[in-house]
N, C-alpha and C. Protein backbone atom coordinates (compact mmCIF):
# COMPACT_ATOMS: atom_id res chain seq x y z
N GLU A 1 5.25 -6.19 -7.05
CA GLU A 1 4.04 -6.95 -8.39
C GLU A 1 3.62 -5.33 -8.85
N HIS A 2 4.34 -4.46 -7.75
CA HIS A 2 4.01 -3.16 -9.25
C HIS A 2 5.25 -2.39 -10.04
N SER A 3 6.50 -3.15 -10.13
CA SER A 3 7.13 -2.91 -10.49
C SER A 3 7.89 -4.21 -11.27
N ALA A 4 7.08 -4.82 -11.77
CA ALA A 4 7.34 -6.27 -12.77
C ALA A 4 8.37 -6.02 -13.67
N ALA A 5 7.93 -4.94 -14.74
CA ALA A 5 9.15 -4.64 -15.70
C ALA A 5 10.09 -4.00 -15.10
N SER A 6 10.46 -3.51 -14.18
CA SER A 6 11.64 -2.42 -14.38
C SER A 6 12.78 -3.47 -13.69
N GLY A 7 14.02 -3.02 -14.74
CA GLY A 7 15.52 -4.02 -14.69
C GLY A 7 15.73 -4.76 -13.47
N PRO A 8 16.24 -4.07 -12.42
CA PRO A 8 16.54 -5.19 -11.14
C PRO A 8 15.52 -6.05 -10.60
N THR A 9 14.29 -5.38 -10.85
CA THR A 9 12.92 -6.20 -10.34
C THR A 9 13.02 -7.81 -11.37
N THR A 10 12.84 -7.49 -12.89
CA THR A 10 13.14 -8.92 -13.53
C THR A 10 14.41 -10.13 -13.60
N ALA A 11 15.27 -9.12 -13.40
CA ALA A 11 16.70 -9.94 -12.82
C ALA A 11 16.33 -10.47 -11.51
N LEU A 12 16.10 -10.17 -11.00
CA LEU A 12 15.63 -10.53 -9.58
C LEU A 12 14.77 -11.78 -9.43
N VAL A 13 13.98 -11.36 -9.80
CA VAL A 13 12.77 -12.93 -10.04
C VAL A 13 13.13 -13.48 -10.86
N ASP A 14 13.94 -13.41 -12.51
CA ASP A 14 14.55 -14.56 -13.20
C ASP A 14 15.63 -15.44 -11.83
N GLU A 15 16.28 -14.63 -11.34
CA GLU A 15 16.93 -15.10 -10.75
C GLU A 15 16.45 -16.67 -10.50
N MET A 16 15.10 -16.27 -9.13
CA MET A 16 14.42 -16.59 -8.35
C MET A 16 13.98 -17.79 -9.25
N LEU A 17 13.38 -17.66 -10.38
CA LEU A 17 13.16 -18.26 -11.16
C LEU A 17 13.70 -19.74 -11.58
N ASP A 18 15.04 -19.41 -11.68
CA ASP A 18 16.00 -20.27 -11.88
C ASP A 18 15.53 -21.88 -11.32
N LYS A 19 14.94 -21.55 -10.20
CA LYS A 19 14.61 -22.89 -9.09
C LYS A 19 12.64 -22.98 -8.71
N ALA A 20 12.47 -22.85 -9.81
CA ALA A 20 10.86 -22.55 -10.00
C ALA A 20 10.06 -23.30 -9.07
N GLY A 21 10.49 -24.76 -9.75
CA GLY A 21 9.85 -26.05 -8.53
C GLY A 21 9.64 -25.91 -7.09
N GLU A 22 11.63 -25.31 -6.43
CA GLU A 22 11.00 -25.03 -5.18
C GLU A 22 10.41 -24.07 -5.09
N LEU A 23 10.98 -23.09 -5.40
CA LEU A 23 9.76 -21.85 -4.95
C LEU A 23 8.39 -22.18 -5.06
N CYS A 24 7.72 -22.57 -5.64
CA CYS A 24 6.65 -23.12 -5.69
C CYS A 24 5.89 -24.40 -4.85
N ARG A 25 6.98 -24.90 -3.94
CA ARG A 25 6.99 -25.93 -2.92
C ARG A 25 6.83 -25.32 -1.25
N HIS A 26 7.99 -24.18 -1.30
CA HIS A 26 7.95 -23.12 -0.30
C HIS A 26 6.81 -22.79 0.63
N SER A 27 7.49 -22.66 1.62
CA SER A 27 6.40 -22.46 3.01
C SER A 27 5.90 -20.27 2.43
N PHE A 28 6.63 -20.01 1.91
CA PHE A 28 7.54 -18.70 1.74
C PHE A 28 6.81 -18.41 0.23
N GLY A 29 7.58 -19.40 -0.71
CA GLY A 29 8.11 -18.30 -1.98
C GLY A 29 7.27 -19.08 -2.32
N HIS A 30 5.97 -19.74 -2.41
CA HIS A 30 5.16 -19.79 -3.16
C HIS A 30 4.05 -18.51 -3.34
N HIS A 31 4.19 -17.87 -2.51
CA HIS A 31 3.72 -16.81 -2.27
C HIS A 31 4.61 -15.69 -3.41
N VAL A 32 5.99 -15.94 -3.36
CA VAL A 32 6.68 -14.63 -4.42
C VAL A 32 5.76 -15.69 -5.75
N ALA A 33 5.99 -17.04 -5.97
CA ALA A 33 5.36 -17.34 -7.39
C ALA A 33 4.03 -17.14 -7.98
N GLN A 34 2.96 -16.92 -7.35
CA GLN A 34 1.43 -16.47 -7.28
C GLN A 34 1.80 -15.12 -7.76
N SER A 35 2.65 -14.05 -7.15
CA SER A 35 2.49 -12.93 -7.67
C SER A 35 3.33 -13.11 -9.08
N VAL A 36 3.79 -13.56 -9.42
CA VAL A 36 4.88 -13.73 -10.67
C VAL A 36 3.40 -14.17 -11.52
N LEU A 37 2.24 -14.96 -11.39
CA LEU A 37 1.66 -15.72 -12.25
C LEU A 37 -0.18 -14.03 -12.53
N GLU A 38 0.49 -13.73 -11.70
CA GLU A 38 -0.53 -12.56 -11.78
C GLU A 38 0.51 -11.69 -12.15
N HIS A 39 1.80 -11.28 -11.71
CA HIS A 39 1.77 -9.51 -12.73
C HIS A 39 3.11 -10.03 -13.01
N GLY A 40 3.52 -10.91 -13.50
CA GLY A 40 4.62 -11.54 -13.80
C GLY A 40 4.55 -11.39 -15.21
N LEU A 41 6.11 -10.88 -16.30
CA LEU A 41 6.02 -11.17 -17.45
C LEU A 41 5.19 -12.37 -17.92
N ARG A 42 5.53 -12.24 -18.97
CA ARG A 42 5.54 -13.36 -20.03
C ARG A 42 6.63 -14.99 -19.82
N HIS A 43 7.42 -14.44 -19.49
CA HIS A 43 8.06 -15.47 -20.03
C HIS A 43 8.45 -15.83 -18.68
N GLN A 44 8.34 -15.27 -17.66
CA GLN A 44 8.17 -15.71 -15.98
C GLN A 44 7.49 -15.92 -15.96
N GLN A 45 5.81 -16.71 -15.87
CA GLN A 45 5.22 -17.18 -16.05
C GLN A 45 5.71 -18.42 -16.73
N ARG A 46 5.96 -18.34 -18.09
CA ARG A 46 5.90 -19.44 -18.57
C ARG A 46 6.65 -20.56 -17.35
N LEU A 47 8.09 -19.74 -17.20
CA LEU A 47 8.62 -20.37 -15.77
C LEU A 47 8.46 -21.14 -14.86
N ILE A 48 7.94 -20.36 -14.17
CA ILE A 48 6.66 -21.82 -13.15
C ILE A 48 5.95 -22.39 -14.04
N LEU A 49 4.99 -22.09 -15.03
CA LEU A 49 4.11 -23.55 -15.64
C LEU A 49 5.04 -24.46 -16.16
N ALA A 50 6.33 -23.88 -16.39
CA ALA A 50 7.32 -25.56 -16.58
C ALA A 50 7.64 -26.19 -15.57
N ALA A 51 7.95 -26.17 -14.76
CA ALA A 51 7.83 -26.33 -13.39
C ALA A 51 6.45 -26.69 -12.83
N LEU A 52 5.94 -26.10 -12.87
CA LEU A 52 4.74 -27.57 -12.52
C LEU A 52 3.83 -28.03 -12.80
N LYS A 53 4.06 -27.91 -14.57
CA LYS A 53 4.29 -28.81 -15.59
C LYS A 53 5.32 -30.51 -15.71
N GLY A 54 6.61 -30.11 -14.62
CA GLY A 54 7.17 -31.09 -14.52
C GLY A 54 6.68 -32.12 -13.84
N ASP A 55 6.21 -32.04 -12.81
CA ASP A 55 4.64 -33.21 -12.18
C ASP A 55 3.86 -32.50 -11.76
N LEU A 56 3.19 -31.94 -11.90
CA LEU A 56 2.00 -31.52 -11.31
C LEU A 56 0.79 -32.24 -11.02
N MET A 57 1.12 -33.04 -10.80
CA MET A 57 0.24 -33.60 -9.48
C MET A 57 0.93 -33.84 -8.75
N ARG A 58 1.99 -33.95 -8.03
CA ARG A 58 3.17 -33.38 -6.94
C ARG A 58 2.50 -32.21 -6.70
N HIS A 59 2.68 -31.60 -7.54
CA HIS A 59 2.70 -30.24 -7.20
C HIS A 59 0.54 -29.53 -6.58
N ALA A 60 0.61 -30.65 -7.17
CA ALA A 60 -1.60 -30.08 -6.94
C ALA A 60 -1.84 -30.23 -5.35
N VAL A 61 -0.76 -31.55 -5.21
CA VAL A 61 -0.87 -32.32 -3.55
C VAL A 61 -0.32 -31.39 -2.32
N ASN A 62 0.28 -30.86 -3.34
CA ASN A 62 1.14 -30.18 -1.95
C ASN A 62 0.23 -28.92 -1.86
N ARG A 63 0.72 -28.91 -0.32
CA ARG A 63 0.30 -28.45 0.81
C ARG A 63 0.57 -26.73 0.17
N ASN A 64 1.92 -25.72 -0.92
CA ASN A 64 2.27 -24.67 -0.68
C ASN A 64 1.25 -24.28 -2.52
N ALA A 65 2.17 -25.27 -2.78
CA ALA A 65 1.93 -25.70 -4.29
C ALA A 65 1.16 -25.26 -4.72
N SER A 66 -0.26 -26.25 -4.52
CA SER A 66 -1.41 -26.57 -4.61
C SER A 66 -2.44 -25.22 -4.99
N TYR A 67 -1.45 -24.01 -4.12
CA TYR A 67 -1.86 -22.45 -4.72
C TYR A 67 -1.84 -22.08 -5.72
N VAL A 68 -0.43 -22.21 -6.25
CA VAL A 68 0.57 -22.11 -7.72
C VAL A 68 -0.43 -22.41 -8.50
N VAL A 69 -0.96 -23.88 -8.26
CA VAL A 69 -1.74 -24.24 -9.51
C VAL A 69 -2.36 -24.01 -9.71
N GLU A 70 -3.47 -23.55 -8.26
CA GLU A 70 -5.17 -22.99 -8.72
C GLU A 70 -4.96 -21.66 -8.72
N LYS A 71 -3.51 -20.48 -8.97
CA LYS A 71 -3.87 -19.28 -9.71
C LYS A 71 -3.18 -19.62 -10.58
N ALA A 72 -2.66 -20.24 -11.25
CA ALA A 72 -2.05 -20.55 -13.12
C ALA A 72 -3.68 -21.25 -13.64
N LEU A 73 -4.03 -22.16 -12.61
CA LEU A 73 -5.39 -22.00 -13.67
C LEU A 73 -6.89 -20.70 -13.36
N THR A 74 -6.39 -20.12 -12.83
CA THR A 74 -6.79 -18.48 -12.91
C THR A 74 -6.43 -17.48 -13.57
N HIS A 75 -4.78 -17.09 -13.40
CA HIS A 75 -5.06 -15.92 -14.01
C HIS A 75 -4.31 -15.84 -15.11
N CYS A 76 -3.52 -17.69 -15.41
CA CYS A 76 -2.86 -17.40 -16.70
C CYS A 76 -3.59 -17.61 -18.04
N VAL A 77 -3.22 -17.49 -19.33
CA VAL A 77 -3.65 -17.40 -19.98
C VAL A 77 -4.39 -18.64 -20.83
N GLU A 78 -5.42 -17.81 -21.43
CA GLU A 78 -6.03 -19.03 -21.80
C GLU A 78 -5.52 -20.81 -22.13
N GLU A 79 -4.46 -20.39 -22.95
CA GLU A 79 -3.59 -21.78 -23.37
C GLU A 79 -3.46 -22.39 -22.99
N ASP A 80 -2.79 -21.64 -21.27
CA ASP A 80 -2.16 -22.08 -20.71
C ASP A 80 -2.86 -22.80 -19.77
N GLN A 81 -4.57 -22.42 -19.40
CA GLN A 81 -4.82 -23.26 -18.22
C GLN A 81 -5.45 -24.22 -19.71
N HIS A 82 -5.18 -24.40 -20.51
CA HIS A 82 -6.16 -25.03 -20.73
C HIS A 82 -4.93 -26.79 -21.27
N GLY A 83 -3.89 -25.95 -21.15
CA GLY A 83 -2.20 -27.06 -21.88
C GLY A 83 -2.80 -27.95 -19.75
N LEU A 84 -2.57 -26.93 -18.22
CA LEU A 84 -2.67 -27.98 -17.26
C LEU A 84 -4.08 -28.46 -17.32
N ALA A 85 -5.05 -28.46 -17.72
CA ALA A 85 -6.14 -28.68 -17.60
C ALA A 85 -6.58 -30.28 -17.85
N GLU A 86 -5.67 -30.41 -19.95
CA GLU A 86 -5.14 -31.27 -20.06
C GLU A 86 -4.27 -32.41 -19.40
N GLU A 87 -3.63 -31.79 -18.52
CA GLU A 87 -2.30 -32.35 -17.91
C GLU A 87 -3.27 -33.50 -16.66
N LEU A 88 -3.92 -32.86 -16.43
CA LEU A 88 -4.56 -33.33 -15.07
C LEU A 88 -6.01 -34.17 -15.64
N LEU A 89 -5.82 -33.71 -16.36
CA LEU A 89 -7.43 -34.37 -17.37
C LEU A 89 -7.06 -36.13 -17.40
N ARG A 90 -5.71 -35.96 -17.62
CA ARG A 90 -5.06 -37.50 -18.76
C ARG A 90 -5.01 -38.30 -18.38
N ASP A 91 -5.52 -38.61 -17.06
CA ASP A 91 -5.81 -39.58 -15.94
C ASP A 91 -7.38 -39.82 -14.77
N PRO A 92 -7.84 -39.72 -15.65
CA PRO A 92 -9.00 -39.44 -14.64
C PRO A 92 -9.62 -39.76 -13.26
N SER A 93 -8.78 -40.92 -12.98
CA SER A 93 -8.68 -41.63 -11.64
C SER A 93 -8.01 -40.28 -10.60
N SER A 94 -6.70 -39.82 -11.28
CA SER A 94 -6.63 -38.96 -10.18
C SER A 94 -7.03 -37.51 -10.20
N ILE A 95 -8.35 -36.81 -11.29
CA ILE A 95 -8.85 -35.72 -10.78
C ILE A 95 -10.15 -36.50 -9.71
N VAL A 96 -10.33 -37.26 -9.16
CA VAL A 96 -11.24 -38.39 -7.75
C VAL A 96 -9.98 -38.08 -7.03
N LEU A 97 -8.60 -38.14 -6.74
CA LEU A 97 -7.64 -38.23 -5.63
C LEU A 97 -8.26 -37.04 -5.27
N LEU A 98 -7.14 -36.41 -6.67
CA LEU A 98 -7.19 -34.66 -6.43
C LEU A 98 -8.53 -33.52 -5.29
N ALA A 99 -9.86 -34.13 -6.00
CA ALA A 99 -11.25 -34.25 -5.36
C ALA A 99 -10.67 -34.11 -3.48
N GLN A 100 -10.11 -35.70 -3.45
CA GLN A 100 -10.45 -36.24 -1.85
C GLN A 100 -8.99 -35.74 -1.24
N GLY A 101 -8.15 -35.35 -1.76
CA GLY A 101 -6.91 -34.42 -0.88
C GLY A 101 -7.58 -33.78 -0.08
N GLN A 102 -7.05 -33.26 0.84
CA GLN A 102 -6.78 -32.02 1.45
C GLN A 102 -6.49 -30.98 0.67
N PHE A 103 -5.41 -31.19 -0.36
CA PHE A 103 -4.88 -29.09 -0.92
C PHE A 103 -5.38 -29.70 -2.26
N GLY A 104 -5.41 -31.06 -3.38
CA GLY A 104 -5.71 -30.91 -4.41
C GLY A 104 -7.75 -30.51 -5.07
N GLY A 105 -8.70 -30.93 -3.15
CA GLY A 105 -9.20 -30.32 -3.50
C GLY A 105 -9.59 -28.61 -4.01
N TYR A 106 -8.76 -27.76 -3.84
CA TYR A 106 -9.00 -26.54 -4.61
C TYR A 106 -8.31 -26.52 -6.23
N VAL A 107 -7.30 -27.05 -6.16
CA VAL A 107 -7.00 -27.40 -7.66
C VAL A 107 -8.63 -27.81 -8.87
N VAL A 108 -9.06 -28.27 -8.14
CA VAL A 108 -10.19 -29.22 -8.48
C VAL A 108 -11.33 -28.03 -8.83
N LYS A 109 -11.73 -27.43 -7.41
CA LYS A 109 -12.48 -26.41 -7.70
C LYS A 109 -12.30 -25.63 -8.91
N ALA A 110 -11.14 -25.06 -8.39
CA ALA A 110 -10.48 -24.56 -10.09
C ALA A 110 -10.37 -24.84 -11.33
N LEU A 111 -10.22 -25.43 -11.53
CA LEU A 111 -10.37 -26.43 -12.62
C LEU A 111 -12.28 -26.57 -13.30
N LEU A 112 -12.55 -26.70 -12.19
CA LEU A 112 -14.21 -26.97 -12.10
C LEU A 112 -15.02 -25.44 -12.88
N ARG A 113 -14.22 -24.43 -13.01
CA ARG A 113 -14.50 -23.02 -12.44
C ARG A 113 -14.07 -22.72 -14.36
N LEU A 114 -13.11 -23.36 -14.93
CA LEU A 114 -12.74 -23.28 -16.11
C LEU A 114 -14.26 -22.55 -17.37
N PRO A 115 -14.50 -21.79 -18.15
CA PRO A 115 -15.05 -21.65 -19.04
C PRO A 115 -15.55 -22.33 -20.03
N ASN A 116 -14.62 -23.69 -20.41
CA ASN A 116 -14.62 -24.33 -21.43
C ASN A 116 -15.46 -26.16 -21.59
N GLU A 117 -14.77 -26.91 -21.96
CA GLU A 117 -14.81 -28.53 -22.26
C GLU A 117 -14.76 -28.96 -20.74
N GLN A 118 -13.61 -28.30 -20.51
CA GLN A 118 -12.73 -29.46 -19.51
C GLN A 118 -13.13 -29.07 -17.97
N ALA A 119 -14.13 -28.24 -18.03
CA ALA A 119 -14.81 -27.80 -16.77
C ALA A 119 -15.68 -28.97 -16.53
N GLN A 120 -16.34 -29.15 -17.49
CA GLN A 120 -16.71 -30.21 -18.00
C GLN A 120 -16.70 -32.10 -17.28
N GLU A 121 -16.15 -31.79 -18.40
CA GLU A 121 -15.32 -33.78 -18.30
C GLU A 121 -14.69 -33.83 -16.66
N ALA A 122 -13.90 -32.82 -16.15
CA ALA A 122 -13.52 -33.15 -15.19
C ALA A 122 -15.10 -33.48 -13.85
N ALA A 123 -15.89 -32.78 -14.49
CA ALA A 123 -17.09 -32.19 -13.87
C ALA A 123 -17.92 -34.39 -13.66
N ALA A 124 -17.34 -34.92 -14.89
CA ALA A 124 -17.77 -35.65 -15.63
C ALA A 124 -17.47 -37.00 -14.47
N HIS A 125 -15.97 -37.33 -14.67
CA HIS A 125 -15.29 -37.95 -14.32
C HIS A 125 -15.88 -37.82 -12.47
N LEU A 126 -15.62 -36.95 -11.92
CA LEU A 126 -16.75 -37.05 -10.57
C LEU A 126 -17.66 -37.52 -10.01
N GLN A 127 -18.61 -37.27 -10.87
CA GLN A 127 -20.30 -37.64 -10.68
C GLN A 127 -20.00 -39.85 -11.60
N ARG A 128 -18.83 -39.57 -11.61
CA ARG A 128 -18.85 -41.51 -12.12
C ARG A 128 -18.64 -42.19 -10.79
N GLU A 129 -17.82 -41.64 -10.28
CA GLU A 129 -17.04 -42.01 -8.68
C GLU A 129 -17.75 -41.61 -7.98
């Protein structure tokens, strides 16, 4: 966390992120992915975001990866938060399914805390159901 920009640390994290999707879903690896989103370099964060976006709904309902999606919605730059929210809102019924799920509910709560119109859109979808 505190030496994210040092050469050896950067190389190690970059190597782990070759399998970022697996890392996000792993019972211990998701902690690493969350730390990278919070403290890592921009290119490392983008690797995790790309893995999440590759199958966002699967990650949002996964016991471990849902923490990573939640962290991305709270710690990534606004542009990335917007992209994730846009993908989550693409199918209005999926927001309802996420909210009803054991792990997706945390993702929906993070989505509702976004300081933009997407939070209002998510709330509207939930109120309709």
